[in-house]
Amino acid sequence: MKRNYTGCAICDSTWGNLWEEVEGERMFFCCATCVVQFRRLVGRIKEETGWPTLESLDIVGDRRGRTCVAQAGTETLSVFVTFNSDGELLRFETLGSP
């Protein structure tokens, strides 16, 4: 899966040393909370769209909220998400075209 970050898969932090497999790919995360957030986000996107996999996921934002653009083939989905301190999704709002 193509991502727009070079650090942690969800927040781009470079501290930590946590590697987890998500969607068949080994990804770097700074902490366990980011792993939970990323997995919840990918799972919810797949649930909403019915896509079997995501080809790319661009994430912009911080702990107060993130705008995400997911792509599978020629289809895209743009959403705004927030998480609680345990990494659970609090808000998942579909936006207009990316």
C-alpha atoms as a PDB file:
ATOM      1  CA  MET A   1       0.000   0.000   0.000  1.00  0.00           C
ATOM      2  CA  LYS A   2       1.386   3.379  -0.991  1.00  0.00           C
ATOM      3  CA  ARG A   3       1.426   5.961   1.827  1.00  0.00           C
ATOM      4  CA  ASN A   4       2.465   9.598   1.917  1.00  0.00           C
ATOM      5  CA  TYR A   5       4.591   9.254   5.070  1.00  0.00           C
ATOM      6  CA  THR A   6       8.204   8.175   5.514  1.00  0.00           C
ATOM      7  CA  GLY A   7       7.869   7.746   9.312  1.00  0.00           C
ATOM      8  CA  CYS A   8       4.967   6.270  11.262  1.00  0.00           C
ATOM      9  CA  ALA A   9       2.245   5.072   8.877  1.00  0.00           C
ATOM     10  CA  ILE A  10      -0.375   7.345  10.455  1.00  0.00           C
ATOM     11  CA  CYS A  11       1.384  10.303  12.122  1.00  0.00           C
ATOM     12  CA  ASP A  12       4.805  10.391  10.390  1.00  0.00           C
ATOM     13  CA  SER A  13       6.734  10.441  13.691  1.00  0.00           C
ATOM     14  CA  THR A  14      10.184   8.925  13.479  1.00  0.00           C
ATOM     15  CA  TRP A  15      10.654   7.962  17.132  1.00  0.00           C
ATOM     16  CA  GLY A  16       9.830   4.439  18.334  1.00  0.00           C
ATOM     17  CA  ASN A  17      10.571   1.139  16.700  1.00  0.00           C
ATOM     18  CA  LEU A  18       7.324  -0.760  16.268  1.00  0.00           C
ATOM     19  CA  TRP A  19       6.826  -2.820  13.110  1.00  0.00           C
ATOM     20  CA  GLU A  20       3.455  -4.423  12.426  1.00  0.00           C
ATOM     21  CA  GLU A  21       1.956  -6.198   9.449  1.00  0.00           C
ATOM     22  CA  VAL A  22      -1.116  -4.444   8.086  1.00  0.00           C
ATOM     23  CA  GLU A  23      -2.821  -5.530   4.876  1.00  0.00           C
ATOM     24  CA  GLY A  24       0.017  -7.944   4.173  1.00  0.00           C
ATOM     25  CA  GLU A  25       2.692  -5.258   4.419  1.00  0.00           C
ATOM     26  CA  ARG A  26       5.172  -4.637   7.198  1.00  0.00           C
ATOM     27  CA  MET A  27       4.800  -1.026   8.330  1.00  0.00           C
ATOM     28  CA  PHE A  28       6.588   1.233  10.786  1.00  0.00           C
ATOM     29  CA  PHE A  29       4.631   2.803  13.659  1.00  0.00           C
ATOM     30  CA  CYS A  30       5.855   5.007  16.489  1.00  0.00           C
ATOM     31  CA  CYS A  31       3.534   3.448  19.105  1.00  0.00           C
ATOM     32  CA  ALA A  32       0.806   0.870  19.685  1.00  0.00           C
ATOM     33  CA  THR A  33      -1.917   3.539  19.598  1.00  0.00           C
ATOM     34  CA  CYS A  34      -0.978   4.456  16.028  1.00  0.00           C
ATOM     35  CA  VAL A  35      -1.176   0.774  15.053  1.00  0.00           C
ATOM     36  CA  VAL A  36      -4.735   0.604  16.413  1.00  0.00           C
ATOM     37  CA  GLN A  37      -5.682   3.860  14.685  1.00  0.00           C
ATOM     38  CA  PHE A  38      -4.288   2.762  11.328  1.00  0.00           C
ATOM     39  CA  ARG A  39      -5.936  -0.660  11.444  1.00  0.00           C
ATOM     40  CA  ARG A  40      -9.293   0.852  12.452  1.00  0.00           C
ATOM     41  CA  LEU A  41      -9.036   3.417   9.668  1.00  0.00           C
ATOM     42  CA  VAL A  42      -8.187   0.859   6.979  1.00  0.00           C
ATOM     43  CA  GLY A  43     -10.895  -1.507   8.231  1.00  0.00           C
ATOM     44  CA  ARG A  44     -13.557   1.201   8.236  1.00  0.00           C
ATOM     45  CA  ILE A  45     -12.622   2.384   4.750  1.00  0.00           C
ATOM     46  CA  LYS A  46     -12.871  -1.170   3.434  1.00  0.00           C
ATOM     47  CA  GLU A  47     -16.195  -1.627   5.232  1.00  0.00           C
ATOM     48  CA  GLU A  48     -17.628   1.604   3.780  1.00  0.00           C
ATOM     49  CA  THR A  49     -16.439   0.957   0.217  1.00  0.00           C
ATOM     50  CA  GLY A  50     -16.455  -2.817  -0.114  1.00  0.00           C
ATOM     51  CA  TRP A  51     -12.920  -2.658  -1.505  1.00  0.00           C
ATOM     52  CA  PRO A  52     -10.893  -5.817  -0.805  1.00  0.00           C
ATOM     53  CA  THR A  53      -7.656  -3.794  -0.511  1.00  0.00           C
ATOM     54  CA  LEU A  54      -6.411  -0.215  -0.600  1.00  0.00           C
ATOM     55  CA  GLU A  55      -3.783   0.785  -3.139  1.00  0.00           C
ATOM     56  CA  SER A  56      -2.918   4.067  -1.475  1.00  0.00           C
ATOM     57  CA  LEU A  57      -3.781   6.064   1.604  1.00  0.00           C
ATOM     58  CA  ASP A  58      -2.764   9.706   2.040  1.00  0.00           C
ATOM     59  CA  ILE A  59      -3.224  11.156   5.522  1.00  0.00           C
ATOM     60  CA  VAL A  60      -2.962  14.821   6.506  1.00  0.00           C
ATOM     61  CA  GLY A  61      -3.556  16.185   9.994  1.00  0.00           C
ATOM     62  CA  ASP A  62      -2.713  15.553  13.604  1.00  0.00           C
ATOM     63  CA  ARG A  63      -4.221  14.220  16.831  1.00  0.00           C
ATOM     64  CA  ARG A  64      -7.130  16.664  16.533  1.00  0.00           C
ATOM     65  CA  GLY A  65      -8.251  15.113  13.244  1.00  0.00           C
ATOM     66  CA  ARG A  66      -6.974  13.714   9.986  1.00  0.00           C
ATOM     67  CA  THR A  67      -8.177  14.062   6.413  1.00  0.00           C
ATOM     68  CA  CYS A  68      -7.551  10.869   4.482  1.00  0.00           C
ATOM     69  CA  VAL A  69      -7.791  10.030   0.793  1.00  0.00           C
ATOM     70  CA  ALA A  70      -7.930   6.322  -0.008  1.00  0.00           C
ATOM     71  CA  GLN A  71      -7.659   4.865  -3.480  1.00  0.00           C
ATOM     72  CA  ALA A  72      -8.368   1.491  -5.033  1.00  0.00           C
ATOM     73  CA  GLY A  73      -8.078   1.375  -8.805  1.00  0.00           C
ATOM     74  CA  THR A  74      -9.833   4.438 -10.223  1.00  0.00           C
ATOM     75  CA  GLU A  75     -12.049   4.870  -7.157  1.00  0.00           C
ATOM     76  CA  THR A  76     -11.254   7.266  -4.312  1.00  0.00           C
ATOM     77  CA  LEU A  77     -12.746   8.019  -0.926  1.00  0.00           C
ATOM     78  CA  SER A  78     -12.010  11.142   1.091  1.00  0.00           C
ATOM     79  CA  VAL A  79     -12.812  11.129   4.817  1.00  0.00           C
ATOM     80  CA  PHE A  80     -12.209  13.093   7.985  1.00  0.00           C
ATOM     81  CA  VAL A  81     -11.473  11.021  11.092  1.00  0.00           C
ATOM     82  CA  THR A  82     -10.816  11.528  14.775  1.00  0.00           C
ATOM     83  CA  PHE A  83      -9.738   8.966  17.355  1.00  0.00           C
ATOM     84  CA  ASN A  84      -9.967   8.654  21.129  1.00  0.00           C
ATOM     85  CA  SER A  85      -6.883   8.158  23.305  1.00  0.00           C
ATOM     86  CA  ASP A  86      -7.132   4.366  22.860  1.00  0.00           C
ATOM     87  CA  GLY A  87      -7.082   4.647  19.059  1.00  0.00           C
ATOM     88  CA  GLU A  88     -10.780   3.906  18.529  1.00  0.00           C
ATOM     89  CA  LEU A  89     -12.583   5.874  15.809  1.00  0.00           C
ATOM     90  CA  LEU A  90     -14.714   8.671  17.242  1.00  0.00           C
ATOM     91  CA  ARG A  91     -15.668  10.308  13.966  1.00  0.00           C
ATOM     92  CA  PHE A  92     -15.646   9.022  10.389  1.00  0.00           C
ATOM     93  CA  GLU A  93     -17.102  11.588   8.007  1.00  0.00           C
ATOM     94  CA  THR A  94     -17.153  11.127   4.245  1.00  0.00           C
ATOM     95  CA  LEU A  95     -16.051  14.276   2.416  1.00  0.00           C
ATOM     96  CA  GLY A  96     -16.627  15.423  -1.156  1.00  0.00           C
ATOM     97  CA  SER A  97     -14.240  14.596  -3.979  1.00  0.00           C
ATOM     98  CA  PRO A  98     -10.562  14.642  -2.976  1.00  0.00           C
END
